[in-house]
Amino acid sequence: MAQDASTDTSEQRRSHTSEDMRALVRKVLTVAASVIRILTVIFAAILVVHVILAVAGANPANGITIFFRDLANNLTLGIGDLFLPASESLRIILNFGLAAVVWIVIGIVVSKLLNALAP
């Protein structure tokens, strides 16, 4: 009987360990999904702020304008010059606006995938 009790305890430990591991993996994937969603929204917001500053005619030599322009140029995902209309404002709206939308879509898709993978 003592052996049966130790076998039951061993099996219970393994059961608890696998449940704990599943819970940990679920938590890590959920947190990762949230972090990715937050980061992609921040990236899209930076692009939108750049569009607003550029279209509204903010001083291009101002530190804030330079800061957002430089960040936005690094976040365009290679589509910063996809559209080349004659109007500079329209070019900025189309290219940086599209990049913002792409960041939002990336955030939604990746976070949904990570949540779906969570056990």
Protein backbone atom coordinates (compact mmCIF):
# COMPACT_ATOMS: atom_id res chain seq x y z
CA MET A 1 0.00 0.00 0.00
CA ALA A 2 2.85 2.36 0.73
CA GLN A 3 4.07 1.86 -2.81
CA ASP A 4 0.62 2.66 -4.22
CA ALA A 5 0.51 5.87 -2.18
CA SER A 6 3.93 6.98 -3.47
CA THR A 7 2.91 6.13 -7.05
CA ASP A 8 -0.28 8.20 -6.67
CA THR A 9 1.71 11.12 -5.26
CA SER A 10 4.22 10.91 -8.10
CA GLU A 11 1.44 10.91 -10.68
CA GLN A 12 -0.26 13.83 -8.95
CA ARG A 13 2.98 15.81 -9.01
CA ARG A 14 3.41 15.15 -12.73
CA SER A 15 -0.21 16.15 -13.32
CA HIS A 16 0.22 19.37 -11.36
CA THR A 17 3.51 20.08 -13.13
CA SER A 18 1.99 19.73 -16.59
CA GLU A 19 -0.99 21.87 -15.57
CA ASP A 20 1.37 24.47 -14.14
CA MET A 21 3.41 24.41 -17.35
CA ARG A 22 0.30 24.87 -19.49
CA ALA A 23 -0.79 27.77 -17.30
CA LEU A 24 2.66 29.35 -17.56
CA VAL A 25 2.74 28.98 -21.34
CA ARG A 26 -0.77 30.41 -21.59
CA LYS A 27 0.23 33.38 -19.43
CA VAL A 28 3.43 34.03 -21.41
CA LEU A 29 1.60 33.89 -24.76
CA THR A 30 -1.18 36.15 -23.47
CA VAL A 31 1.31 38.71 -22.15
CA ALA A 32 3.30 38.55 -25.41
CA ALA A 33 0.10 39.14 -27.39
CA SER A 34 -0.74 42.15 -25.24
CA VAL A 35 2.77 43.60 -25.55
CA ILE A 36 2.73 43.19 -29.33
CA ARG A 37 -0.69 44.79 -29.58
CA ILE A 38 0.44 47.76 -27.45
CA LEU A 39 3.67 48.21 -29.43
CA THR A 40 1.94 48.13 -32.79
CA VAL A 41 -0.64 50.68 -31.62
CA ILE A 42 2.21 52.93 -30.43
CA PHE A 43 3.95 52.56 -33.80
CA ALA A 44 0.73 53.45 -35.63
CA ALA A 45 0.19 56.44 -33.32
CA ILE A 46 3.71 57.73 -34.08
CA LEU A 47 2.95 57.52 -37.79
CA VAL A 48 -0.37 59.33 -37.33
CA VAL A 49 1.25 62.10 -35.28
CA HIS A 50 3.82 62.55 -38.06
CA VAL A 51 1.04 62.79 -40.64
CA ILE A 52 -0.81 65.38 -38.56
CA LEU A 53 2.32 67.47 -37.98
CA ALA A 54 3.36 67.33 -41.63
CA VAL A 55 -0.08 68.04 -43.09
CA ALA A 56 -0.84 70.79 -40.57
CA GLY A 57 2.36 72.57 -41.60
CA ALA A 58 4.36 72.21 -38.38
CA ASN A 59 7.80 73.83 -38.39
CA PRO A 60 10.10 71.20 -39.99
CA ALA A 61 13.06 72.50 -37.94
CA ASN A 62 11.25 72.03 -34.60
CA GLY A 63 12.64 69.28 -32.35
CA ILE A 64 9.28 67.57 -31.87
CA THR A 65 8.60 67.53 -35.59
CA ILE A 66 12.08 66.15 -36.29
CA PHE A 67 11.64 63.52 -33.56
CA PHE A 68 8.36 62.21 -34.99
CA ARG A 69 9.57 62.44 -38.60
CA ASP A 70 12.67 60.36 -37.81
CA LEU A 71 10.67 57.77 -35.88
CA ALA A 72 8.02 57.60 -38.60
CA ASN A 73 10.64 57.14 -41.31
CA ASN A 74 11.93 54.11 -39.43
CA LEU A 75 8.44 52.62 -39.03
CA THR A 76 7.22 52.73 -42.64
CA LEU A 77 7.96 49.04 -43.30
CA GLY A 78 9.45 49.97 -46.66
CA ILE A 79 6.29 51.60 -47.96
CA GLY A 80 7.28 55.20 -47.20
CA ASP A 81 7.58 55.92 -50.90
CA LEU A 82 4.98 53.57 -52.34
CA PHE A 83 2.75 56.37 -53.62
CA LEU A 84 4.24 59.43 -55.32
CA PRO A 85 1.41 61.90 -55.98
CA ALA A 86 2.24 65.49 -56.88
CA SER A 87 0.95 66.80 -53.56
CA GLU A 88 3.41 66.37 -50.68
CA SER A 89 0.56 66.27 -48.14
CA LEU A 90 -1.22 63.54 -50.07
CA ARG A 91 2.04 61.57 -50.35
CA ILE A 92 2.52 61.71 -46.58
CA ILE A 93 -1.10 60.79 -45.86
CA LEU A 94 -1.10 57.83 -48.23
CA ASN A 95 2.31 56.38 -47.40
CA PHE A 96 2.47 56.94 -43.65
CA GLY A 97 -1.27 56.32 -43.21
CA LEU A 98 -0.96 52.99 -45.01
CA ALA A 99 2.01 52.07 -42.81
CA ALA A 100 -0.08 52.88 -39.72
CA VAL A 101 -2.89 50.63 -40.95
CA VAL A 102 -0.40 47.84 -41.68
CA TRP A 103 1.00 48.11 -38.12
CA ILE A 104 -2.52 47.82 -36.69
CA VAL A 105 -3.24 44.76 -38.86
CA ILE A 106 0.07 43.16 -37.85
CA GLY A 107 -0.76 43.72 -34.19
CA ILE A 108 -4.22 42.21 -34.51
CA VAL A 109 -3.09 39.17 -36.51
CA VAL A 110 -0.05 38.35 -34.36
CA SER A 111 -1.91 38.81 -31.08
CA LYS A 112 -4.77 36.61 -32.28
CA LEU A 113 -2.29 33.93 -33.37
CA LEU A 114 -0.53 34.00 -30.01
CA ASN A 115 -3.83 33.82 -28.15
CA ALA A 116 -4.92 30.91 -30.34
CA LEU A 117 -1.67 29.07 -29.57
CA ALA A 118 -2.23 29.44 -25.83
CA PRO A 119 -3.25 26.04 -24.41
